[in-house]
Amino acid sequence: MRVDTTGKISLDHIYTRPDPRAYFSTLRELDYNIPELAKPHFRRIVAEYREARRVPSPTVLDIGCSYGINAALVKYGATMDELYDRYSGHDAHRYTRATLLSRDRELIRSGGHDVSGEHDGYGEHGDRLRFLGLDASEQALSYALEAGFLDGAVHADLENGEPTDEQRAQLAHTDLVISTGCLGYVTERTISRVVDAQEERRPWMAHFVLRMFPFDPIAETLAGAGYETVRRDGLFKQRRFATPEEQSLVLDRLAGAGVDPSGLETDGWFYAQLYISKPRDRTRGSN
């Protein structure tokens, strides 16, 4: 397998297919589960935002959203196991893209479900939460929109250019910004452009970032925009290493960053940390 400049294997091909089957078939083999682990944390920060800002139907911007996975989990109560079965089960290869989309729309029409059996507080059919996706893959965004997981999409590479006027208008009313693994490839350039697109309130942010990628440049950029960032306790398994070469290269990168991988990455897993960024006290109520 080819590795990219970070030392990770390149999985670019699974994000540019017309449907999510390659994505889930590949990542299932690697026990990728970070969206499931992130789900309760995202729901918690949404609830906190609603209470603090008195915004009953917040807009969540998912950076690097791919096929709308976080939206399916957070808004509609799906689980990663269910999505793995849906897109990489023993009969998934038999379905056409249209059939997959039809099945996804049925999930949306049913309003999803809360697997705990408790009311999830998101309202019937997820009507109290709006998901906007930002991604460089037009194919993934198109599928997520057609399935109904996303309510809107921004097809852009903000690492390499400013948003257009239309894209800036789409981003302008974001309440929360989330991500589950794209930061490191996505840098402070994208985060800064998302913040600059806002008209009044500054959005809260929750990012799961692999330990191999320092968050300091993004935290410093956000601090300059009036934010405070806190790293939450705990570590979160992202996925298994795909090859010994990938593990070796990542361990080298961690050593270079002064991060001790003992008992964590040395045991064969990528680990992520959760960073929460909010505007400072003087602006939380109005910006």
Protein backbone atom coordinates (compact mmCIF):
# COMPACT_ATOMS: atom_id res chain seq x y z
CA MET A 1 0.00 0.00 0.00
CA ARG A 2 1.18 3.52 -0.81
CA VAL A 3 1.82 5.84 2.13
CA ASP A 4 1.31 9.59 2.05
CA THR A 5 3.58 12.32 3.35
CA THR A 6 2.32 11.83 6.94
CA GLY A 7 3.27 8.15 7.03
CA LYS A 8 -0.33 6.94 6.83
CA ILE A 9 -1.47 4.68 4.02
CA SER A 10 -3.25 6.57 1.27
CA LEU A 11 -6.99 5.91 1.29
CA ASP A 12 -7.89 8.65 -1.16
CA HIS A 13 -9.63 6.19 -3.44
CA ILE A 14 -12.37 5.31 -0.94
CA TYR A 15 -13.60 8.91 -0.73
CA THR A 16 -14.22 9.42 -4.44
CA ARG A 17 -16.56 6.57 -5.32
CA PRO A 18 -20.20 7.20 -6.24
CA ASP A 19 -21.39 5.42 -3.08
CA PRO A 20 -19.90 4.48 0.33
CA ARG A 21 -19.30 0.76 -0.25
CA ALA A 22 -15.53 1.03 -0.81
CA TYR A 23 -15.30 3.36 2.19
CA PHE A 24 -16.98 0.96 4.59
CA SER A 25 -15.52 -2.22 3.11
CA THR A 26 -11.99 -0.88 3.50
CA LEU A 27 -12.38 0.73 6.92
CA ARG A 28 -14.25 -2.24 8.38
CA GLU A 29 -11.09 -4.29 7.94
CA LEU A 30 -9.22 -1.69 10.00
CA ASP A 31 -11.81 -1.49 12.82
CA TYR A 32 -12.38 2.21 12.12
CA ASN A 33 -14.77 3.44 14.81
CA ILE A 34 -13.95 7.04 15.73
CA PRO A 35 -17.34 8.44 14.59
CA GLU A 36 -19.10 6.09 17.02
CA LEU A 37 -16.83 7.18 19.87
CA ALA A 38 -17.30 10.83 18.93
CA LYS A 39 -21.09 10.65 18.73
CA PRO A 40 -21.94 11.17 22.44
CA HIS A 41 -19.43 14.02 22.68
CA PHE A 42 -20.93 15.78 19.65
CA ARG A 43 -24.44 15.32 21.03
CA ARG A 44 -23.34 16.71 24.37
CA ILE A 45 -21.80 19.85 22.88
CA VAL A 46 -24.90 20.39 20.72
CA ALA A 47 -27.04 20.23 23.87
CA GLU A 48 -24.71 22.62 25.67
CA TYR A 49 -24.82 25.02 22.74
CA ARG A 50 -28.61 24.96 22.59
CA GLU A 51 -28.83 25.83 26.27
CA ALA A 52 -26.12 28.50 26.23
CA ARG A 53 -27.09 30.22 22.98
CA ARG A 54 -30.84 29.51 23.01
CA VAL A 55 -30.66 28.20 19.45
CA PRO A 56 -33.18 25.33 19.14
CA SER A 57 -32.08 24.19 15.66
CA PRO A 58 -28.31 24.69 15.35
CA THR A 59 -26.35 24.18 12.15
CA VAL A 60 -23.39 21.80 12.44
CA LEU A 61 -20.56 22.05 9.92
CA ASP A 62 -18.76 18.72 9.51
CA ILE A 63 -15.30 19.33 8.01
CA GLY A 64 -14.15 16.36 5.94
CA CYS A 65 -17.65 14.90 6.11
CA SER A 66 -17.14 12.37 3.28
CA TYR A 67 -20.43 10.45 2.86
CA GLY A 68 -22.18 12.14 5.79
CA ILE A 69 -21.23 9.56 8.40
CA ASN A 70 -21.31 11.89 11.41
CA ALA A 71 -24.69 13.23 10.32
CA ALA A 72 -26.10 9.71 10.03
CA LEU A 73 -24.88 8.89 13.54
CA VAL A 74 -25.54 12.14 15.38
CA LYS A 75 -28.73 13.29 13.67
CA TYR A 76 -30.42 10.00 12.84
CA GLY A 77 -29.10 7.71 15.57
CA ALA A 78 -27.42 5.18 13.27
CA THR A 79 -24.42 3.22 14.53
CA MET A 80 -21.20 2.34 12.76
CA ASP A 81 -22.05 -1.35 12.97
CA GLU A 82 -25.33 -0.68 11.20
CA LEU A 83 -23.62 1.34 8.50
CA TYR A 84 -20.96 -1.33 8.04
CA ASP A 85 -23.71 -3.91 7.53
CA ARG A 86 -25.62 -1.56 5.24
CA TYR A 87 -22.71 -0.83 2.89
CA SER A 88 -20.31 -3.77 3.30
CA GLY A 89 -22.55 -6.65 4.36
CA HIS A 90 -22.57 -9.93 2.48
CA ASP A 91 -25.20 -8.73 -0.03
CA ALA A 92 -24.20 -5.06 -0.33
CA HIS A 93 -22.46 -5.67 -3.66
CA ARG A 94 -25.78 -6.66 -5.21
CA TYR A 95 -27.39 -3.27 -4.80
CA THR A 96 -27.33 -0.43 -7.26
CA ARG A 97 -26.51 3.07 -6.11
CA ALA A 98 -30.17 3.96 -6.52
CA THR A 99 -31.20 1.09 -4.24
CA LEU A 100 -28.70 2.14 -1.60
CA LEU A 101 -30.04 5.69 -1.71
CA SER A 102 -33.61 4.44 -1.43
CA ARG A 103 -32.72 2.45 1.68
CA ASP A 104 -30.97 5.46 3.19
CA ARG A 105 -33.97 7.70 2.56
CA GLU A 106 -36.15 5.17 4.31
CA LEU A 107 -33.89 5.46 7.37
CA ILE A 108 -34.37 9.23 7.23
CA ARG A 109 -38.14 8.98 6.79
CA SER A 110 -38.34 6.71 9.81
CA GLY A 111 -36.56 9.40 11.82
CA GLY A 112 -33.74 7.02 12.72
CA HIS A 113 -33.67 5.71 16.24
CA ASP A 114 -31.88 6.07 19.53
CA VAL A 115 -30.17 2.73 20.15
CA SER A 116 -30.32 3.24 23.90
CA GLY A 117 -34.09 3.21 23.74
CA GLU A 118 -34.22 6.66 25.29
CA HIS A 119 -35.51 9.83 23.70
CA ASP A 120 -32.48 11.51 22.15
CA GLY A 121 -33.83 15.05 22.25
CA TYR A 122 -33.31 15.68 18.55
CA GLY A 123 -36.95 15.84 17.58
CA GLU A 124 -38.88 13.78 15.10
CA HIS A 125 -36.92 13.13 11.90
CA GLY A 126 -33.92 14.99 13.30
CA ASP A 127 -35.67 18.30 12.64
CA ARG A 128 -33.86 20.07 15.45
CA LEU A 129 -30.42 19.75 13.91
CA ARG A 130 -29.09 20.84 10.53
CA PHE A 131 -25.92 19.29 9.07
CA LEU A 132 -23.74 21.06 6.54
CA GLY A 133 -20.85 19.11 5.02
CA LEU A 134 -17.53 20.50 3.79
CA ASP A 135 -15.40 18.20 1.66
CA ALA A 136 -13.17 18.18 -1.41
CA SER A 137 -14.87 15.03 -2.77
CA GLU A 138 -17.80 15.94 -4.97
CA GLN A 139 -18.83 12.28 -5.22
CA ALA A 140 -19.06 11.80 -1.45
CA LEU A 141 -20.96 15.04 -0.95
CA SER A 142 -23.36 14.19 -3.75
CA TYR A 143 -24.20 10.85 -2.18
CA ALA A 144 -24.66 12.34 1.30
CA LEU A 145 -27.01 14.99 -0.09
CA GLU A 146 -29.05 12.57 -2.18
CA ALA A 147 -29.36 10.17 0.76
CA GLY A 148 -30.57 13.02 2.95
CA PHE A 149 -27.85 12.74 5.59
CA LEU A 150 -26.68 16.28 4.83
CA ASP A 151 -28.94 19.31 4.61
CA GLY A 152 -26.36 21.24 2.64
CA ALA A 153 -22.89 20.81 1.23
CA VAL A 154 -19.86 22.96 0.43
CA HIS A 155 -17.63 21.39 -2.21
CA ALA A 156 -14.37 23.22 -1.64
CA ASP A 157 -10.69 22.87 -0.81
CA LEU A 158 -10.19 25.70 1.66
CA GLU A 159 -6.60 24.66 2.22
CA ASN A 160 -5.74 26.03 -1.18
CA GLY A 161 -8.17 28.87 -1.75
CA GLU A 162 -10.71 31.24 -0.30
CA PRO A 163 -14.38 30.27 -0.40
CA THR A 164 -16.46 31.77 -3.18
CA ASP A 165 -19.16 34.27 -2.29
CA GLU A 166 -21.73 31.47 -2.51
CA GLN A 167 -19.68 29.17 -0.29
CA ARG A 168 -19.06 31.96 2.21
CA ALA A 169 -22.81 32.54 2.42
CA GLN A 170 -23.34 28.82 3.10
CA LEU A 171 -20.76 28.85 5.88
CA ALA A 172 -21.91 32.14 7.39
CA HIS A 173 -24.48 30.81 9.83
CA THR A 174 -22.57 27.87 11.31
CA ASP A 175 -23.25 27.22 14.99
CA LEU A 176 -20.86 24.31 15.61
CA VAL A 177 -17.87 22.94 13.70
CA ILE A 178 -16.85 19.29 14.09
CA SER A 179 -14.39 16.83 12.60
CA THR A 180 -13.30 13.24 13.20
CA GLY A 181 -9.89 12.79 11.70
CA CYS A 182 -9.32 15.22 8.85
CA LEU A 183 -7.28 17.73 10.86
CA GLY A 184 -3.65 17.22 10.09
CA TYR A 185 -4.46 17.14 6.41
CA VAL A 186 -6.77 20.07 6.97
CA THR A 187 -4.88 22.84 8.78
CA GLU A 188 -5.39 26.24 10.36
CA ARG A 189 -5.90 27.67 6.87
CA THR A 190 -9.27 25.95 6.51
CA ILE A 191 -10.29 26.66 10.10
CA SER A 192 -9.40 30.34 9.71
CA ARG A 193 -11.45 30.62 6.51
CA VAL A 194 -14.44 29.00 8.17
CA VAL A 195 -14.22 31.46 11.08
CA ASP A 196 -13.76 34.43 8.74
CA ALA A 197 -16.93 33.48 6.87
CA GLN A 198 -19.09 34.01 9.95
CA GLU A 199 -21.24 37.12 10.11
CA GLU A 200 -22.12 37.44 13.80
CA ARG A 201 -21.78 34.52 16.20
CA ARG A 202 -18.54 32.60 16.28
CA PRO A 203 -19.21 28.84 16.16
CA TRP A 204 -18.16 26.41 18.87
CA MET A 205 -15.81 23.63 17.73
CA ALA A 206 -15.13 20.00 18.60
CA HIS A 207 -12.29 18.25 16.78
CA PHE A 208 -10.95 14.72 17.16
CA VAL A 209 -7.30 14.91 16.13
CA LEU A 210 -4.78 12.09 15.81
CA ARG A 211 -1.92 12.35 18.30
CA MET A 212 0.56 12.39 15.42
CA PHE A 213 -0.74 15.83 14.38
CA PRO A 214 -0.04 18.79 16.70
CA PHE A 215 -3.10 20.94 17.35
CA ASP A 216 -1.06 23.96 18.46
CA PRO A 217 -1.12 25.82 15.10
CA ILE A 218 -4.92 25.59 14.97
CA ALA A 219 -5.30 26.52 18.65
CA GLU A 220 -3.05 29.56 18.10
CA THR A 221 -5.06 30.63 15.06
CA LEU A 222 -8.29 30.28 17.01
CA ALA A 223 -6.83 32.19 19.95
CA GLY A 224 -6.14 35.07 17.60
CA ALA A 225 -9.81 34.97 16.63
CA GLY A 226 -10.94 35.16 20.26
CA TYR A 227 -11.20 31.47 21.16
CA GLU A 228 -10.14 29.38 24.11
CA THR A 229 -9.23 25.74 23.46
CA VAL A 230 -9.31 22.89 25.97
CA ARG A 231 -8.18 19.33 25.39
CA ARG A 232 -10.64 16.96 26.98
CA ASP A 233 -9.43 14.01 29.03
CA GLY A 234 -9.30 10.62 27.38
CA LEU A 235 -7.91 9.02 24.25
CA PHE A 236 -9.97 7.60 21.42
CA LYS A 237 -9.09 4.69 19.15
CA GLN A 238 -9.43 5.69 15.52
CA ARG A 239 -8.43 2.53 13.64
CA ARG A 240 -5.81 -0.20 13.48
CA PHE A 241 -2.62 0.30 11.54
CA ALA A 242 -2.98 -1.20 8.10
CA THR A 243 0.63 -2.41 7.76
CA PRO A 244 3.81 -2.67 9.84
CA GLU A 245 5.30 0.02 7.60
CA GLU A 246 2.49 2.43 8.45
CA GLN A 247 2.93 1.78 12.16
CA SER A 248 6.70 2.27 11.95
CA LEU A 249 6.39 5.55 10.07
CA VAL A 250 3.75 6.88 12.47
CA LEU A 251 5.85 5.88 15.49
CA ASP A 252 8.75 7.82 13.98
CA ARG A 253 6.51 10.83 13.51
CA LEU A 254 5.27 10.63 17.10
CA ALA A 255 8.85 10.40 18.38
CA GLY A 256 9.75 13.48 16.37
CA ALA A 257 6.84 15.34 17.94
CA GLY A 258 7.85 14.26 21.45
CA VAL A 259 4.75 12.08 21.93
CA ASP A 260 5.18 8.84 23.88
CA PRO A 261 3.38 6.00 22.04
CA SER A 262 4.01 3.34 24.71
CA GLY A 263 0.98 1.14 25.30
CA LEU A 264 -0.99 3.04 22.68
CA GLU A 265 0.25 3.32 19.10
CA THR A 266 2.85 0.66 19.93
CA ASP A 267 -0.08 -1.73 20.43
CA GLY A 268 -1.28 -1.24 16.89
CA TRP A 269 -3.86 1.57 16.96
CA PHE A 270 -4.11 5.19 15.92
CA TYR A 271 -5.29 7.32 18.85
CA ALA A 272 -7.04 10.67 18.73
CA GLN A 273 -7.60 13.46 21.25
CA LEU A 274 -10.63 15.74 21.56
CA TYR A 275 -10.19 19.50 21.46
CA ILE A 276 -13.06 21.85 22.31
CA SER A 277 -12.77 25.49 21.22
CA LYS A 278 -15.23 28.18 22.25
CA PRO A 279 -15.23 31.98 21.99
CA ARG A 280 -13.97 33.65 25.15
CA ASP A 281 -16.46 34.60 27.87
CA ARG A 282 -16.98 38.14 26.71
CA THR A 283 -18.26 36.93 23.32
CA ARG A 284 -20.00 33.66 24.10
CA GLY A 285 -23.36 35.26 24.56
CA SER A 286 -23.28 37.43 21.44
CA ASN A 287 -20.70 36.28 18.89
